[in-house]
N, C-alpha and C. Protein backbone atom coordinates (compact mmCIF):
# COMPACT_ATOMS: atom_id res chain seq x y z
N MET A 1 5.75 4.62 -5.43
CA MET A 1 5.85 3.74 -4.28
C MET A 1 7.18 3.92 -3.56
N ASN A 2 8.27 4.13 -4.35
CA ASN A 2 9.58 4.32 -3.72
C ASN A 2 9.57 5.54 -2.81
N LYS A 3 8.94 6.61 -3.28
CA LYS A 3 8.90 7.83 -2.46
C LYS A 3 8.14 7.58 -1.16
N ARG A 4 7.03 6.86 -1.23
CA ARG A 4 6.24 6.54 -0.04
C ARG A 4 7.05 5.68 0.94
N LEU A 5 7.77 4.69 0.40
CA LEU A 5 8.62 3.84 1.25
C LEU A 5 9.70 4.68 1.93
N LEU A 6 10.34 5.54 1.16
CA LEU A 6 11.42 6.36 1.70
C LEU A 6 10.91 7.36 2.75
N ILE A 7 9.79 8.00 2.47
CA ILE A 7 9.23 8.96 3.42
C ILE A 7 8.80 8.25 4.70
N THR A 8 8.09 7.14 4.56
CA THR A 8 7.64 6.40 5.73
C THR A 8 8.83 5.88 6.53
N GLY A 9 9.84 5.37 5.84
CA GLY A 9 11.05 4.91 6.53
C GLY A 9 11.73 6.03 7.30
N ALA A 10 11.81 7.20 6.67
CA ALA A 10 12.44 8.34 7.33
C ALA A 10 11.62 8.81 8.54
N VAL A 11 10.30 8.83 8.40
CA VAL A 11 9.44 9.24 9.52
C VAL A 11 9.53 8.23 10.67
N LEU A 12 9.48 6.93 10.35
CA LEU A 12 9.62 5.92 11.41
C LEU A 12 10.97 6.03 12.10
N GLY A 13 12.02 6.29 11.32
CA GLY A 13 13.34 6.47 11.91
C GLY A 13 13.41 7.68 12.83
N MET A 14 12.85 8.78 12.36
CA MET A 14 12.82 10.01 13.17
C MET A 14 12.05 9.77 14.46
N LEU A 15 10.88 9.13 14.35
CA LEU A 15 10.08 8.86 15.55
C LEU A 15 10.79 7.89 16.49
N SER A 16 11.58 6.98 15.94
CA SER A 16 12.36 6.07 16.79
C SER A 16 13.32 6.86 17.67
N ILE A 17 13.93 7.85 17.10
CA ILE A 17 14.87 8.68 17.87
C ILE A 17 14.11 9.48 18.93
N VAL A 18 12.99 10.04 18.54
CA VAL A 18 12.17 10.80 19.50
C VAL A 18 11.72 9.90 20.64
N PHE A 19 11.16 8.72 20.30
CA PHE A 19 10.68 7.80 21.33
C PHE A 19 11.83 7.28 22.18
N GLY A 20 12.97 7.02 21.55
CA GLY A 20 14.14 6.56 22.30
C GLY A 20 14.61 7.59 23.31
N ALA A 21 14.65 8.85 22.90
CA ALA A 21 15.05 9.92 23.82
C ALA A 21 14.03 10.07 24.94
N PHE A 22 12.75 9.98 24.59
CA PHE A 22 11.70 10.05 25.59
C PHE A 22 11.83 8.91 26.59
N GLY A 23 12.08 7.72 26.08
CA GLY A 23 12.24 6.57 26.96
C GLY A 23 13.44 6.69 27.88
N ALA A 24 14.53 7.18 27.33
CA ALA A 24 15.76 7.29 28.12
C ALA A 24 15.73 8.42 29.13
N HIS A 25 15.04 9.50 28.80
CA HIS A 25 15.08 10.68 29.66
C HIS A 25 13.73 10.96 30.34
N GLY A 26 12.66 10.93 29.58
CA GLY A 26 11.36 11.29 30.13
C GLY A 26 10.74 10.22 31.01
N LEU A 27 11.03 8.96 30.71
CA LEU A 27 10.40 7.88 31.47
C LEU A 27 11.27 7.36 32.61
N LYS A 28 12.50 7.81 32.66
CA LYS A 28 13.48 7.26 33.61
C LYS A 28 12.97 7.22 35.05
N THR A 29 12.30 8.24 35.48
CA THR A 29 11.85 8.30 36.88
C THR A 29 10.39 7.86 37.03
N LEU A 30 9.74 7.54 35.92
CA LEU A 30 8.31 7.24 35.98
C LEU A 30 7.97 5.75 35.95
N ILE A 31 8.82 4.95 35.30
CA ILE A 31 8.54 3.52 35.20
C ILE A 31 9.77 2.72 35.59
N ALA A 32 9.55 1.45 35.86
CA ALA A 32 10.64 0.56 36.29
C ALA A 32 11.67 0.38 35.18
N GLU A 33 12.88 0.02 35.58
CA GLU A 33 13.97 -0.20 34.62
C GLU A 33 13.59 -1.29 33.61
N SER A 34 12.93 -2.34 34.07
CA SER A 34 12.52 -3.41 33.15
C SER A 34 11.53 -2.89 32.11
N SER A 35 10.67 -1.96 32.51
CA SER A 35 9.72 -1.37 31.56
C SER A 35 10.43 -0.47 30.56
N ILE A 36 11.48 0.21 31.00
CA ILE A 36 12.27 1.04 30.08
C ILE A 36 12.95 0.14 29.05
N GLN A 37 13.47 -1.00 29.49
CA GLN A 37 14.10 -1.93 28.55
C GLN A 37 13.08 -2.46 27.55
N THR A 38 11.87 -2.72 28.00
CA THR A 38 10.81 -3.16 27.10
C THR A 38 10.48 -2.06 26.10
N PHE A 39 10.37 -0.83 26.57
CA PHE A 39 10.11 0.32 25.71
C PHE A 39 11.20 0.42 24.64
N GLU A 40 12.45 0.24 25.05
CA GLU A 40 13.58 0.32 24.13
C GLU A 40 13.53 -0.77 23.06
N THR A 41 12.95 -1.93 23.40
CA THR A 41 12.77 -2.99 22.41
C THR A 41 11.84 -2.49 21.30
N GLY A 42 10.76 -1.84 21.66
CA GLY A 42 9.85 -1.28 20.66
C GLY A 42 10.56 -0.26 19.78
N VAL A 43 11.37 0.58 20.39
CA VAL A 43 12.12 1.60 19.64
C VAL A 43 13.09 0.93 18.66
N ARG A 44 13.81 -0.07 19.16
CA ARG A 44 14.82 -0.75 18.34
C ARG A 44 14.16 -1.41 17.12
N TYR A 45 13.07 -2.13 17.33
CA TYR A 45 12.40 -2.79 16.21
C TYR A 45 11.79 -1.78 15.25
N GLN A 46 11.33 -0.67 15.73
CA GLN A 46 10.81 0.37 14.85
C GLN A 46 11.93 0.88 13.96
N MET A 47 13.11 1.10 14.54
CA MET A 47 14.24 1.60 13.75
C MET A 47 14.71 0.56 12.73
N TYR A 48 14.76 -0.72 13.12
CA TYR A 48 15.15 -1.76 12.16
C TYR A 48 14.24 -1.72 10.93
N HIS A 49 12.97 -1.53 11.17
CA HIS A 49 12.03 -1.57 10.06
C HIS A 49 11.97 -0.26 9.28
N ALA A 50 12.38 0.82 9.92
CA ALA A 50 12.58 2.06 9.17
C ALA A 50 13.69 1.84 8.15
N PHE A 51 14.77 1.18 8.58
CA PHE A 51 15.87 0.88 7.66
C PHE A 51 15.40 -0.04 6.53
N LEU A 52 14.57 -1.03 6.87
CA LEU A 52 14.07 -1.94 5.83
C LEU A 52 13.31 -1.15 4.76
N LEU A 53 12.45 -0.24 5.18
CA LEU A 53 11.70 0.56 4.20
C LEU A 53 12.64 1.43 3.37
N LEU A 54 13.66 1.99 3.99
CA LEU A 54 14.61 2.81 3.25
C LEU A 54 15.38 1.98 2.23
N ILE A 55 15.75 0.78 2.61
CA ILE A 55 16.49 -0.10 1.69
C ILE A 55 15.60 -0.54 0.54
N VAL A 56 14.41 -1.02 0.86
CA VAL A 56 13.49 -1.49 -0.18
C VAL A 56 13.09 -0.34 -1.11
N GLY A 57 12.87 0.83 -0.55
CA GLY A 57 12.50 1.99 -1.36
C GLY A 57 13.63 2.49 -2.22
N GLY A 58 14.85 2.17 -1.86
CA GLY A 58 16.01 2.65 -2.61
C GLY A 58 16.58 1.66 -3.60
N THR A 59 15.90 0.53 -3.79
CA THR A 59 16.42 -0.47 -4.72
C THR A 59 15.44 -0.74 -5.85
N ASN A 60 15.99 -1.18 -6.96
CA ASN A 60 15.17 -1.60 -8.09
C ASN A 60 15.11 -3.12 -8.19
N PHE A 61 15.69 -3.82 -7.23
CA PHE A 61 15.73 -5.27 -7.28
C PHE A 61 14.51 -5.93 -6.66
N VAL A 62 13.57 -5.13 -6.17
CA VAL A 62 12.34 -5.64 -5.58
C VAL A 62 11.18 -5.14 -6.43
N SER A 63 10.27 -6.03 -6.79
CA SER A 63 9.15 -5.65 -7.66
C SER A 63 8.21 -4.68 -6.95
N LEU A 64 7.44 -3.97 -7.74
CA LEU A 64 6.47 -3.02 -7.19
C LEU A 64 5.46 -3.73 -6.30
N LYS A 65 5.00 -4.90 -6.73
CA LYS A 65 4.04 -5.67 -5.94
C LYS A 65 4.63 -6.04 -4.57
N ALA A 66 5.87 -6.49 -4.55
CA ALA A 66 6.52 -6.84 -3.29
C ALA A 66 6.76 -5.60 -2.43
N LYS A 67 7.09 -4.48 -3.07
CA LYS A 67 7.30 -3.24 -2.32
C LYS A 67 6.02 -2.82 -1.61
N LYS A 68 4.89 -2.95 -2.30
CA LYS A 68 3.61 -2.61 -1.67
C LYS A 68 3.33 -3.54 -0.50
N SER A 69 3.60 -4.82 -0.66
CA SER A 69 3.38 -5.78 0.43
C SER A 69 4.29 -5.47 1.61
N VAL A 70 5.56 -5.23 1.33
CA VAL A 70 6.52 -4.92 2.41
C VAL A 70 6.09 -3.65 3.13
N TYR A 71 5.68 -2.65 2.36
CA TYR A 71 5.26 -1.38 2.95
C TYR A 71 4.13 -1.59 3.96
N TRP A 72 3.06 -2.24 3.53
CA TRP A 72 1.90 -2.41 4.40
C TRP A 72 2.19 -3.34 5.57
N LEU A 73 2.96 -4.39 5.33
CA LEU A 73 3.31 -5.30 6.43
C LEU A 73 4.15 -4.58 7.48
N VAL A 74 5.11 -3.77 7.04
CA VAL A 74 5.95 -3.03 7.99
C VAL A 74 5.13 -1.98 8.72
N LEU A 75 4.34 -1.22 7.99
CA LEU A 75 3.58 -0.14 8.63
C LEU A 75 2.63 -0.70 9.70
N VAL A 76 1.82 -1.68 9.32
CA VAL A 76 0.89 -2.25 10.29
C VAL A 76 1.64 -3.02 11.37
N GLY A 77 2.70 -3.71 10.98
CA GLY A 77 3.49 -4.47 11.95
C GLY A 77 4.12 -3.58 13.01
N VAL A 78 4.68 -2.45 12.61
CA VAL A 78 5.29 -1.52 13.57
C VAL A 78 4.22 -0.93 14.49
N ILE A 79 3.09 -0.57 13.91
CA ILE A 79 2.02 0.00 14.74
C ILE A 79 1.58 -1.03 15.79
N LEU A 80 1.36 -2.26 15.37
CA LEU A 80 0.91 -3.28 16.31
C LEU A 80 2.01 -3.71 17.27
N PHE A 81 3.20 -3.98 16.75
CA PHE A 81 4.28 -4.49 17.58
C PHE A 81 4.85 -3.41 18.48
N SER A 82 5.46 -2.41 17.88
CA SER A 82 6.09 -1.36 18.69
C SER A 82 5.04 -0.55 19.45
N GLY A 83 3.93 -0.24 18.79
CA GLY A 83 2.88 0.53 19.46
C GLY A 83 2.36 -0.16 20.70
N SER A 84 2.11 -1.46 20.61
CA SER A 84 1.62 -2.17 21.80
C SER A 84 2.69 -2.27 22.87
N ILE A 85 3.94 -2.39 22.46
CA ILE A 85 5.02 -2.43 23.45
C ILE A 85 5.13 -1.09 24.17
N TYR A 86 4.99 0.00 23.43
CA TYR A 86 5.01 1.31 24.07
C TYR A 86 3.88 1.41 25.11
N GLY A 87 2.71 0.97 24.72
CA GLY A 87 1.58 1.00 25.65
C GLY A 87 1.76 0.10 26.85
N LEU A 88 2.22 -1.13 26.60
CA LEU A 88 2.40 -2.09 27.69
C LEU A 88 3.48 -1.64 28.68
N SER A 89 4.55 -1.07 28.16
CA SER A 89 5.64 -0.67 29.05
C SER A 89 5.31 0.58 29.86
N THR A 90 4.37 1.37 29.39
CA THR A 90 3.96 2.58 30.13
C THR A 90 2.56 2.40 30.73
N ASN A 91 2.13 1.18 30.87
CA ASN A 91 0.78 0.86 31.34
C ASN A 91 0.44 1.52 32.67
N THR A 92 1.43 1.64 33.56
CA THR A 92 1.17 2.20 34.89
C THR A 92 0.90 3.70 34.84
N LEU A 93 1.17 4.33 33.72
CA LEU A 93 1.02 5.79 33.61
C LEU A 93 -0.34 6.22 33.08
N THR A 94 -1.16 5.26 32.67
CA THR A 94 -2.44 5.61 32.06
C THR A 94 -3.59 4.91 32.77
N SER A 95 -4.78 5.37 32.48
CA SER A 95 -5.96 4.72 33.04
C SER A 95 -6.42 3.57 32.15
N PHE A 96 -5.91 3.51 30.91
CA PHE A 96 -6.26 2.40 30.01
C PHE A 96 -5.36 1.21 30.31
N ASP A 97 -5.93 0.03 30.40
CA ASP A 97 -5.15 -1.17 30.66
C ASP A 97 -4.70 -1.77 29.33
N PHE A 98 -3.46 -1.50 28.94
CA PHE A 98 -2.93 -1.99 27.67
C PHE A 98 -2.76 -3.50 27.65
N LYS A 99 -2.85 -4.15 28.80
CA LYS A 99 -2.71 -5.61 28.83
C LYS A 99 -3.84 -6.28 28.05
N ILE A 100 -4.98 -5.62 27.92
CA ILE A 100 -6.09 -6.23 27.19
C ILE A 100 -5.85 -6.24 25.68
N ILE A 101 -4.90 -5.43 25.20
CA ILE A 101 -4.56 -5.46 23.78
C ILE A 101 -3.18 -6.07 23.54
N GLY A 102 -2.60 -6.67 24.57
CA GLY A 102 -1.27 -7.26 24.45
C GLY A 102 -1.18 -8.36 23.41
N PHE A 103 -2.31 -8.96 23.06
CA PHE A 103 -2.30 -10.03 22.05
C PHE A 103 -1.89 -9.53 20.67
N VAL A 104 -1.94 -8.22 20.43
CA VAL A 104 -1.56 -7.72 19.11
C VAL A 104 -0.05 -7.66 18.91
N THR A 105 0.71 -7.72 20.00
CA THR A 105 2.17 -7.67 19.88
C THR A 105 2.70 -8.79 19.00
N PRO A 106 2.37 -10.06 19.28
CA PRO A 106 2.89 -11.11 18.40
C PRO A 106 2.32 -11.06 16.98
N ILE A 107 1.11 -10.53 16.82
CA ILE A 107 0.56 -10.37 15.47
C ILE A 107 1.41 -9.37 14.70
N GLY A 108 1.76 -8.26 15.35
CA GLY A 108 2.64 -7.28 14.72
C GLY A 108 4.00 -7.87 14.40
N GLY A 109 4.53 -8.67 15.31
CA GLY A 109 5.81 -9.33 15.06
C GLY A 109 5.75 -10.25 13.86
N LEU A 110 4.66 -10.98 13.73
CA LEU A 110 4.48 -11.87 12.58
C LEU A 110 4.44 -11.08 11.28
N LEU A 111 3.75 -9.95 11.30
CA LEU A 111 3.70 -9.10 10.10
C LEU A 111 5.09 -8.59 9.72
N LEU A 112 5.91 -8.25 10.72
CA LEU A 112 7.27 -7.80 10.44
C LEU A 112 8.12 -8.92 9.85
N ILE A 113 7.95 -10.12 10.37
CA ILE A 113 8.66 -11.28 9.82
C ILE A 113 8.24 -11.51 8.36
N LEU A 114 6.93 -11.42 8.12
CA LEU A 114 6.43 -11.60 6.75
C LEU A 114 6.98 -10.54 5.80
N ALA A 115 7.17 -9.32 6.28
CA ALA A 115 7.74 -8.27 5.44
C ALA A 115 9.14 -8.65 4.98
N TRP A 116 9.96 -9.12 5.90
CA TRP A 116 11.30 -9.58 5.54
C TRP A 116 11.21 -10.76 4.58
N GLY A 117 10.28 -11.67 4.84
CA GLY A 117 10.11 -12.82 3.96
C GLY A 117 9.76 -12.42 2.54
N PHE A 118 8.82 -11.47 2.39
CA PHE A 118 8.46 -10.99 1.06
C PHE A 118 9.68 -10.40 0.36
N ALA A 119 10.47 -9.64 1.08
CA ALA A 119 11.66 -9.03 0.48
C ALA A 119 12.66 -10.11 0.03
N VAL A 120 12.90 -11.09 0.89
CA VAL A 120 13.87 -12.14 0.57
C VAL A 120 13.39 -12.97 -0.62
N VAL A 121 12.14 -13.41 -0.59
CA VAL A 121 11.61 -14.23 -1.69
C VAL A 121 11.67 -13.45 -3.00
N ASN A 122 11.32 -12.18 -2.95
CA ASN A 122 11.35 -11.38 -4.16
C ASN A 122 12.76 -11.20 -4.69
N LEU A 123 13.72 -11.04 -3.79
CA LEU A 123 15.12 -10.93 -4.23
C LEU A 123 15.61 -12.23 -4.85
N ILE A 124 15.20 -13.35 -4.29
CA ILE A 124 15.60 -14.65 -4.83
C ILE A 124 14.99 -14.87 -6.21
N LYS A 125 13.74 -14.46 -6.38
CA LYS A 125 13.03 -14.65 -7.64
C LYS A 125 13.51 -13.69 -8.73
N ASN A 126 14.15 -12.60 -8.33
CA ASN A 126 14.60 -11.60 -9.29
C ASN A 126 15.67 -12.21 -10.20
N LYS A 127 15.46 -12.10 -11.49
CA LYS A 127 16.36 -12.72 -12.47
C LYS A 127 17.61 -11.88 -12.78
N SER A 128 17.56 -10.59 -12.44
CA SER A 128 18.73 -9.75 -12.72
C SER A 128 19.84 -10.06 -11.74
N LYS A 129 21.04 -9.75 -12.15
CA LYS A 129 22.18 -9.99 -11.27
C LYS A 129 22.26 -8.88 -10.24
N ILE A 130 22.30 -9.29 -8.97
CA ILE A 130 22.35 -8.34 -7.86
C ILE A 130 23.76 -8.33 -7.30
N GLY A 131 24.53 -7.37 -7.70
CA GLY A 131 25.87 -7.21 -7.15
C GLY A 131 26.82 -8.34 -7.49
N ASP A 132 26.45 -9.22 -8.42
CA ASP A 132 27.35 -10.30 -8.82
C ASP A 132 28.40 -9.74 -9.74
N ASN A 133 29.63 -10.10 -9.49
CA ASN A 133 30.74 -9.64 -10.34
C ASN A 133 31.26 -10.76 -11.18
């Protein structure tokens, strides 16, 4: 599970950089500045959650069960949250109206919040000393 968390975190991080560069350079003349800022929000949240997966995958202070929950919540959450933001911010460039799936953005956000919650609760429940001196 740690390897899957680390690989997925690294891939999400890499894609964040790719999408960020695309948003900053490729979309600059194609969509409004406010849409670029919205696109950047999706990139930023994707990167935050890439870091979460890397941290959770690199620690032994989170149980396997919690790691699996965090993994799936982050993966689905990023797809729904950041993915829908990417679609909504570039809506004028496609024939598909992403506004009809805009309701998934807050669902994805909720899943991301739950991922952090699972990690925090699991760390609190962990009986081993975490960095206590």
